[in-house]
Amino acid sequence: MSKLNEANDRLGAAMTILEQAVETRRGNTDQASGARDQSDLLQGELDKLRMDSIALRDTSGTVSNRLDLAIGRLRNMLDD
């Protein structure tokens, strides 16, 4: 489970960096069209990372619930 948490942390950090980069690019209105293209590319990557993050959180929740159920079953078996 710690690998999943580490992956979530790395994904969150990457998303923050990309968000900052996108905002920096958008804030500089004097940038050439190449910068706008790069900004659009970064925004696309950010959107993909957000979708990946949502999927990872869903998977993490599912795994956590299944582990809780398995632990509960094991405890019940040991109590019997």
PDB file of N, CA and C in Angstrom:
ATOM      1  N   MET A   1       0.817  -1.181   0.000  1.00  0.00           N
ATOM      2  CA  MET A   1       0.000   0.000   0.000  1.00  0.00           C
ATOM      3  C   MET A   1       0.871   1.259   0.000  1.00  0.00           C
ATOM      4  N   SER A   2       2.082   1.198   0.562  1.00  0.00           N
ATOM      5  CA  SER A   2       2.932   2.376   0.600  1.00  0.00           C
ATOM      6  C   SER A   2       3.392   2.762  -0.810  1.00  0.00           C
ATOM      7  N   LYS A   3       3.570   1.781  -1.696  1.00  0.00           N
ATOM      8  CA  LYS A   3       3.940   2.101  -3.070  1.00  0.00           C
ATOM      9  C   LYS A   3       2.819   2.893  -3.736  1.00  0.00           C
ATOM     10  N   LEU A   4       1.586   2.539  -3.435  1.00  0.00           N
ATOM     11  CA  LEU A   4       0.444   3.254  -3.980  1.00  0.00           C
ATOM     12  C   LEU A   4       0.409   4.680  -3.445  1.00  0.00           C
ATOM     13  N   ASN A   5       0.686   4.839  -2.161  1.00  0.00           N
ATOM     14  CA  ASN A   5       0.729   6.181  -1.567  1.00  0.00           C
ATOM     15  C   ASN A   5       1.865   7.002  -2.165  1.00  0.00           C
ATOM     16  N   GLU A   6       3.019   6.365  -2.359  1.00  0.00           N
ATOM     17  CA  GLU A   6       4.154   7.059  -2.966  1.00  0.00           C
ATOM     18  C   GLU A   6       3.817   7.496  -4.387  1.00  0.00           C
ATOM     19  N   ALA A   7       3.147   6.624  -5.121  1.00  0.00           N
ATOM     20  CA  ALA A   7       2.750   6.962  -6.489  1.00  0.00           C
ATOM     21  C   ALA A   7       1.775   8.129  -6.481  1.00  0.00           C
ATOM     22  N   ASN A   8       0.833   8.118  -5.537  1.00  0.00           N
ATOM     23  CA  ASN A   8      -0.107   9.229  -5.405  1.00  0.00           C
ATOM     24  C   ASN A   8       0.636  10.528  -5.105  1.00  0.00           C
ATOM     25  N   ASP A   9       1.611  10.466  -4.222  1.00  0.00           N
ATOM     26  CA  ASP A   9       2.391  11.653  -3.858  1.00  0.00           C
ATOM     27  C   ASP A   9       3.168  12.191  -5.058  1.00  0.00           C
ATOM     28  N   ARG A  10       3.811  11.288  -5.799  1.00  0.00           N
ATOM     29  CA  ARG A  10       4.573  11.711  -6.978  1.00  0.00           C
ATOM     30  C   ARG A  10       3.646  12.308  -8.031  1.00  0.00           C
ATOM     31  N   LEU A  11       2.492  11.697  -8.211  1.00  0.00           N
ATOM     32  CA  LEU A  11       1.529  12.198  -9.178  1.00  0.00           C
ATOM     33  C   LEU A  11       1.035  13.579  -8.768  1.00  0.00           C
ATOM     34  N   GLY A  12       0.760  13.751  -7.486  1.00  0.00           N
ATOM     35  CA  GLY A  12       0.320  15.057  -6.988  1.00  0.00           C
ATOM     36  C   GLY A  12       1.389  16.118  -7.186  1.00  0.00           C
ATOM     37  N   ALA A  13       2.635  15.769  -6.930  1.00  0.00           N
ATOM     38  CA  ALA A  13       3.736  16.723  -7.115  1.00  0.00           C
ATOM     39  C   ALA A  13       3.887  17.089  -8.594  1.00  0.00           C
ATOM     40  N   ALA A  14       3.777  16.100  -9.457  1.00  0.00           N
ATOM     41  CA  ALA A  14       3.890  16.360 -10.897  1.00  0.00           C
ATOM     42  C   ALA A  14       2.751  17.255 -11.372  1.00  0.00           C
ATOM     43  N   MET A  15       1.559  17.012 -10.856  1.00  0.00           N
ATOM     44  CA  MET A  15       0.419  17.837 -11.233  1.00  0.00           C
ATOM     45  C   MET A  15       0.616  19.275 -10.778  1.00  0.00           C
ATOM     46  N   THR A  16       1.138  19.469  -9.594  1.00  0.00           N
ATOM     47  CA  THR A  16       1.394  20.816  -9.088  1.00  0.00           C
ATOM     48  C   THR A  16       2.399  21.544  -9.962  1.00  0.00           C
ATOM     49  N   ILE A  17       3.459  20.860 -10.336  1.00  0.00           N
ATOM     50  CA  ILE A  17       4.480  21.462 -11.194  1.00  0.00           C
ATOM     51  C   ILE A  17       3.882  21.835 -12.552  1.00  0.00           C
ATOM     52  N   LEU A  18       3.092  20.929 -13.117  1.00  0.00           N
ATOM     53  CA  LEU A  18       2.481  21.223 -14.409  1.00  0.00           C
ATOM     54  C   LEU A  18       1.487  22.381 -14.306  1.00  0.00           C
ATOM     55  N   GLU A  19       0.704  22.415 -13.234  1.00  0.00           N
ATOM     56  CA  GLU A  19      -0.240  23.521 -13.044  1.00  0.00           C
ATOM     57  C   GLU A  19       0.507  24.848 -12.963  1.00  0.00           C
ATOM     58  N   GLN A  20       1.607  24.867 -12.224  1.00  0.00           N
ATOM     59  CA  GLN A  20       2.394  26.088 -12.106  1.00  0.00           C
ATOM     60  C   GLN A  20       2.967  26.494 -13.463  1.00  0.00           C
ATOM     61  N   ALA A  21       3.437  25.513 -14.214  1.00  0.00           N
ATOM     62  CA  ALA A  21       3.996  25.807 -15.539  1.00  0.00           C
ATOM     63  C   ALA A  21       2.927  26.371 -16.471  1.00  0.00           C
ATOM     64  N   VAL A  22       1.744  25.775 -16.435  1.00  0.00           N
ATOM     65  CA  VAL A  22       0.651  26.260 -17.278  1.00  0.00           C
ATOM     66  C   VAL A  22       0.269  27.684 -16.888  1.00  0.00           C
ATOM     67  N   GLU A  23       0.148  27.939 -15.608  1.00  0.00           N
ATOM     68  CA  GLU A  23      -0.213  29.279 -15.148  1.00  0.00           C
ATOM     69  C   GLU A  23       0.869  30.298 -15.498  1.00  0.00           C
ATOM     70  N   THR A  24       2.129  29.905 -15.381  1.00  0.00           N
ATOM     71  CA  THR A  24       3.222  30.797 -15.747  1.00  0.00           C
ATOM     72  C   THR A  24       3.155  31.144 -17.226  1.00  0.00           C
ATOM     73  N   ARG A  25       2.921  30.138 -18.035  1.00  0.00           N
ATOM     74  CA  ARG A  25       2.832  30.350 -19.482  1.00  0.00           C
ATOM     75  C   ARG A  25       1.642  31.245 -19.827  1.00  0.00           C
ATOM     76  N   ARG A  26       0.528  31.024 -19.170  1.00  0.00           N
ATOM     77  CA  ARG A  26      -0.663  31.825 -19.450  1.00  0.00           C
ATOM     78  C   ARG A  26      -0.493  33.260 -18.971  1.00  0.00           C
ATOM     79  N   GLY A  27       0.266  33.453 -17.914  1.00  0.00           N
ATOM     80  CA  GLY A  27       0.471  34.778 -17.349  1.00  0.00           C
ATOM     81  C   GLY A  27       1.325  35.672 -18.227  1.00  0.00           C
ATOM     82  N   ASN A  28       2.120  35.104 -19.046  1.00  0.00           N
ATOM     83  CA  ASN A  28       3.004  35.876 -19.938  1.00  0.00           C
ATOM     84  C   ASN A  28       2.331  36.054 -21.294  1.00  0.00           C
ATOM     85  N   THR A  29       1.562  37.121 -21.421  1.00  0.00           N
ATOM     86  CA  THR A  29       0.825  37.348 -22.670  1.00  0.00           C
ATOM     87  C   THR A  29       1.720  37.746 -23.826  1.00  0.00           C
ATOM     88  N   ASP A  30       2.965  38.124 -23.541  1.00  0.00           N
ATOM     89  CA  ASP A  30       3.892  38.531 -24.597  1.00  0.00           C
ATOM     90  C   ASP A  30       4.577  37.338 -25.267  1.00  0.00           C
ATOM     91  N   GLN A  31       4.304  36.154 -24.801  1.00  0.00           N
ATOM     92  CA  GLN A  31       4.947  34.961 -25.364  1.00  0.00           C
ATOM     93  C   GLN A  31       4.463  34.730 -26.792  1.00  0.00           C
ATOM     94  N   ALA A  32       5.300  34.169 -27.589  1.00  0.00           N
ATOM     95  CA  ALA A  32       4.978  33.858 -28.980  1.00  0.00           C
ATOM     96  C   ALA A  32       4.010  32.692 -29.058  1.00  0.00           C
ATOM     97  N   SER A  33       3.512  32.426 -30.234  1.00  0.00           N
ATOM     98  CA  SER A  33       2.539  31.341 -30.410  1.00  0.00           C
ATOM     99  C   SER A  33       3.139  29.992 -30.039  1.00  0.00           C
ATOM    100  N   GLY A  34       4.450  29.844 -30.155  1.00  0.00           N
ATOM    101  CA  GLY A  34       5.097  28.595 -29.740  1.00  0.00           C
ATOM    102  C   GLY A  34       4.892  28.334 -28.263  1.00  0.00           C
ATOM    103  N   ALA A  35       4.911  29.394 -27.469  1.00  0.00           N
ATOM    104  CA  ALA A  35       4.676  29.249 -26.033  1.00  0.00           C
ATOM    105  C   ALA A  35       3.231  28.850 -25.780  1.00  0.00           C
ATOM    106  N   ARG A  36       2.304  29.406 -26.571  1.00  0.00           N
ATOM    107  CA  ARG A  36       0.898  29.024 -26.422  1.00  0.00           C
ATOM    108  C   ARG A  36       0.705  27.559 -26.772  1.00  0.00           C
ATOM    109  N   ASP A  37       1.404  27.121 -27.804  1.00  0.00           N
ATOM    110  CA  ASP A  37       1.327  25.706 -28.173  1.00  0.00           C
ATOM    111  C   ASP A  37       1.856  24.829 -27.044  1.00  0.00           C
ATOM    112  N   GLN A  38       2.959  25.259 -26.455  1.00  0.00           N
ATOM    113  CA  GLN A  38       3.533  24.502 -25.347  1.00  0.00           C
ATOM    114  C   GLN A  38       2.588  24.524 -24.149  1.00  0.00           C
ATOM    115  N   SER A  39       1.952  25.655 -23.917  1.00  0.00           N
ATOM    116  CA  SER A  39       0.985  25.768 -22.830  1.00  0.00           C
ATOM    117  C   SER A  39      -0.184  24.811 -23.048  1.00  0.00           C
ATOM    118  N   ASP A  40      -0.654  24.747 -24.281  1.00  0.00           N
ATOM    119  CA  ASP A  40      -1.747  23.821 -24.605  1.00  0.00           C
ATOM    120  C   ASP A  40      -1.312  22.376 -24.396  1.00  0.00           C
ATOM    121  N   LEU A  41      -0.073  22.095 -24.771  1.00  0.00           N
ATOM    122  CA  LEU A  41       0.471  20.754 -24.559  1.00  0.00           C
ATOM    123  C   LEU A  41       0.541  20.426 -23.073  1.00  0.00           C
ATOM    124  N   LEU A  42       1.031  21.374 -22.276  1.00  0.00           N
ATOM    125  CA  LEU A  42       1.094  21.171 -20.823  1.00  0.00           C
ATOM    126  C   LEU A  42      -0.301  20.988 -20.230  1.00  0.00           C
ATOM    127  N   GLN A  43      -1.253  21.764 -20.723  1.00  0.00           N
ATOM    128  CA  GLN A  43      -2.621  21.624 -20.228  1.00  0.00           C
ATOM    129  C   GLN A  43      -3.166  20.239 -20.549  1.00  0.00           C
ATOM    130  N   GLY A  44      -2.868  19.748 -21.740  1.00  0.00           N
ATOM    131  CA  GLY A  44      -3.286  18.392 -22.111  1.00  0.00           C
ATOM    132  C   GLY A  44      -2.669  17.346 -21.203  1.00  0.00           C
ATOM    133  N   GLU A  45      -1.384  17.520 -20.912  1.00  0.00           N
ATOM    134  CA  GLU A  45      -0.711  16.585 -20.009  1.00  0.00           C
ATOM    135  C   GLU A  45      -1.304  16.664 -18.604  1.00  0.00           C
ATOM    136  N   LEU A  46      -1.611  17.871 -18.180  1.00  0.00           N
ATOM    137  CA  LEU A  46      -2.208  18.063 -16.859  1.00  0.00           C
ATOM    138  C   LEU A  46      -3.572  17.386 -16.788  1.00  0.00           C
ATOM    139  N   ASP A  47      -4.373  17.549 -17.823  1.00  0.00           N
ATOM    140  CA  ASP A  47      -5.684  16.902 -17.855  1.00  0.00           C
ATOM    141  C   ASP A  47      -5.553  15.382 -17.784  1.00  0.00           C
ATOM    142  N   LYS A  48      -4.567  14.847 -18.514  1.00  0.00           N
ATOM    143  CA  LYS A  48      -4.345  13.389 -18.469  1.00  0.00           C
ATOM    144  C   LYS A  48      -3.916  12.957 -17.076  1.00  0.00           C
ATOM    145  N   LEU A  49      -3.030  13.730 -16.447  1.00  0.00           N
ATOM    146  CA  LEU A  49      -2.584  13.395 -15.095  1.00  0.00           C
ATOM    147  C   LEU A  49      -3.753  13.451 -14.100  1.00  0.00           C
ATOM    148  N   ARG A  50      -4.643  14.401 -14.283  1.00  0.00           N
ATOM    149  CA  ARG A  50      -5.818  14.473 -13.411  1.00  0.00           C
ATOM    150  C   ARG A  50      -6.680  13.230 -13.555  1.00  0.00           C
ATOM    151  N   MET A  51      -6.878  12.795 -14.803  1.00  0.00           N
ATOM    152  CA  MET A  51      -7.662  11.578 -15.019  1.00  0.00           C
ATOM    153  C   MET A  51      -6.963  10.369 -14.411  1.00  0.00           C
ATOM    154  N   ASP A  52      -5.635  10.296 -14.580  1.00  0.00           N
ATOM    155  CA  ASP A  52      -4.864   9.203 -13.986  1.00  0.00           C
ATOM    156  C   ASP A  52      -4.967   9.235 -12.463  1.00  0.00           C
ATOM    157  N   SER A  53      -4.932  10.431 -11.900  1.00  0.00           N
ATOM    158  CA  SER A  53      -5.030  10.581 -10.450  1.00  0.00           C
ATOM    159  C   SER A  53      -6.376  10.089  -9.941  1.00  0.00           C
ATOM    160  N   ILE A  54      -7.437  10.426 -10.634  1.00  0.00           N
ATOM    161  CA  ILE A  54      -8.780   9.975 -10.248  1.00  0.00           C
ATOM    162  C   ILE A  54      -8.853   8.455 -10.308  1.00  0.00           C
ATOM    163  N   ALA A  55      -8.326   7.879 -11.387  1.00  0.00           N
ATOM    164  CA  ALA A  55      -8.332   6.423 -11.521  1.00  0.00           C
ATOM    165  C   ALA A  55      -7.514   5.773 -10.415  1.00  0.00           C
ATOM    166  N   LEU A  56      -6.371   6.368 -10.087  1.00  0.00           N
ATOM    167  CA  LEU A  56      -5.508   5.827  -9.035  1.00  0.00           C
ATOM    168  C   LEU A  56      -6.192   5.903  -7.678  1.00  0.00           C
ATOM    169  N   ARG A  57      -6.885   7.008  -7.412  1.00  0.00           N
ATOM    170  CA  ARG A  57      -7.617   7.127  -6.146  1.00  0.00           C
ATOM    171  C   ARG A  57      -8.733   6.100  -6.051  1.00  0.00           C
ATOM    172  N   ASP A  58      -9.441   5.885  -7.167  1.00  0.00           N
ATOM    173  CA  ASP A  58     -10.504   4.883  -7.181  1.00  0.00           C
ATOM    174  C   ASP A  58      -9.939   3.490  -6.913  1.00  0.00           C
ATOM    175  N   THR A  59      -8.839   3.189  -7.585  1.00  0.00           N
ATOM    176  CA  THR A  59      -8.199   1.886  -7.389  1.00  0.00           C
ATOM    177  C   THR A  59      -7.710   1.741  -5.953  1.00  0.00           C
ATOM    178  N   SER A  60      -7.130   2.792  -5.432  1.00  0.00           N
ATOM    179  CA  SER A  60      -6.636   2.778  -4.055  1.00  0.00           C
ATOM    180  C   SER A  60      -7.775   2.513  -3.079  1.00  0.00           C
ATOM    181  N   GLY A  61      -8.902   3.163  -3.298  1.00  0.00           N
ATOM    182  CA  GLY A  61     -10.063   2.951  -2.435  1.00  0.00           C
ATOM    183  C   GLY A  61     -10.575   1.523  -2.516  1.00  0.00           C
ATOM    184  N   THR A  62     -10.626   0.979  -3.727  1.00  0.00           N
ATOM    185  CA  THR A  62     -11.084  -0.397  -3.917  1.00  0.00           C
ATOM    186  C   THR A  62     -10.146  -1.378  -3.217  1.00  0.00           C
ATOM    187  N   VAL A  63      -8.854  -1.180  -3.398  1.00  0.00           N
ATOM    188  CA  VAL A  63      -7.863  -2.057  -2.759  1.00  0.00           C
ATOM    189  C   VAL A  63      -7.975  -1.959  -1.243  1.00  0.00           C
ATOM    190  N   SER A  64      -8.127  -0.754  -0.734  1.00  0.00           N
ATOM    191  CA  SER A  64      -8.244  -0.548   0.707  1.00  0.00           C
ATOM    192  C   SER A  64      -9.468  -1.268   1.262  1.00  0.00           C
ATOM    193  N   ASN A  65     -10.598  -1.138   0.580  1.00  0.00           N
ATOM    194  CA  ASN A  65     -11.821  -1.814   1.031  1.00  0.00           C
ATOM    195  C   ASN A  65     -11.656  -3.332   1.012  1.00  0.00           C
ATOM    196  N   ARG A  66     -11.048  -3.837  -0.034  1.00  0.00           N
ATOM    197  CA  ARG A  66     -10.858  -5.294  -0.123  1.00  0.00           C
ATOM    198  C   ARG A  66      -9.919  -5.799   0.964  1.00  0.00           C
ATOM    199  N   LEU A  67      -8.878  -5.030   1.237  1.00  0.00           N
ATOM    200  CA  LEU A  67      -7.959  -5.417   2.311  1.00  0.00           C
ATOM    201  C   LEU A  67      -8.669  -5.400   3.670  1.00  0.00           C
ATOM    202  N   ASP A  68      -9.475  -4.382   3.903  1.00  0.00           N
ATOM    203  CA  ASP A  68     -10.228  -4.314   5.159  1.00  0.00           C
ATOM    204  C   ASP A  68     -11.147  -5.521   5.312  1.00  0.00           C
ATOM    205  N   LEU A  69     -11.829  -5.895   4.224  1.00  0.00           N
ATOM    206  CA  LEU A  69     -12.711  -7.071   4.278  1.00  0.00           C
ATOM    207  C   LEU A  69     -11.921  -8.352   4.551  1.00  0.00           C
ATOM    208  N   ALA A  70     -10.774  -8.502   3.879  1.00  0.00           N
ATOM    209  CA  ALA A  70      -9.955  -9.701   4.075  1.00  0.00           C
ATOM    210  C   ALA A  70      -9.431  -9.768   5.504  1.00  0.00           C
ATOM    211  N   ILE A  71      -9.012  -8.645   6.042  1.00  0.00           N
ATOM    212  CA  ILE A  71      -8.526  -8.620   7.423  1.00  0.00           C
ATOM    213  C   ILE A  71      -9.649  -8.970   8.388  1.00  0.00           C
ATOM    214  N   GLY A  72     -10.833  -8.438   8.124  1.00  0.00           N
ATOM    215  CA  GLY A  72     -11.982  -8.760   8.967  1.00  0.00           C
ATOM    216  C   GLY A  72     -12.307 -10.237   8.936  1.00  0.00           C
ATOM    217  N   ARG A  73     -12.260 -10.829   7.770  1.00  0.00           N
ATOM    218  CA  ARG A  73     -12.533 -12.271   7.649  1.00  0.00           C
ATOM    219  C   ARG A  73     -11.488 -13.093   8.408  1.00  0.00           C
ATOM    220  N   LEU A  74     -10.226 -12.696   8.267  1.00  0.00           N
ATOM    221  CA  LEU A  74      -9.162 -13.411   8.978  1.00  0.00           C
ATOM    222  C   LEU A  74      -9.341 -13.308  10.492  1.00  0.00           C
ATOM    223  N   ARG A  75      -9.709 -12.129  10.963  1.00  0.00           N
ATOM    224  CA  ARG A  75      -9.937 -11.963  12.401  1.00  0.00           C
ATOM    225  C   ARG A  75     -11.088 -12.837  12.883  1.00  0.00           C
ATOM    226  N   ASN A  76     -12.146 -12.887  12.081  1.00  0.00           N
ATOM    227  CA  ASN A  76     -13.288 -13.743  12.447  1.00  0.00           C
ATOM    228  C   ASN A  76     -12.890 -15.201  12.483  1.00  0.00           C
ATOM    229  N   MET A  77     -12.057 -15.621  11.532  1.00  0.00           N
ATOM    230  CA  MET A  77     -11.616 -17.011  11.506  1.00  0.00           C
ATOM    231  C   MET A  77     -10.742 -17.313  12.721  1.00  0.00           C
ATOM    232  N   LEU A  78      -9.911 -16.382  13.117  1.00  0.00           N
ATOM    233  CA  LEU A  78      -9.030 -16.586  14.271  1.00  0.00           C
ATOM    234  C   LEU A  78      -9.825 -16.579  15.575  1.00  0.00           C
ATOM    235  N   ASP A  79     -10.898 -15.809  15.631  1.00  0.00           N
ATOM    236  CA  ASP A  79     -11.727 -15.754  16.830  1.00  0.00           C
ATOM    237  C   ASP A  79     -12.515 -17.035  17.039  1.00  0.00           C
ATOM    238  N   ASP A  80     -12.803 -17.735  15.938  1.00  0.00           N
ATOM    239  CA  ASP A  80     -13.595 -18.973  16.042  1.00  0.00           C
ATOM    240  C   ASP A  80     -12.814 -20.096  16.590  1.00  0.00           C
TER     241      ASP A  80
END
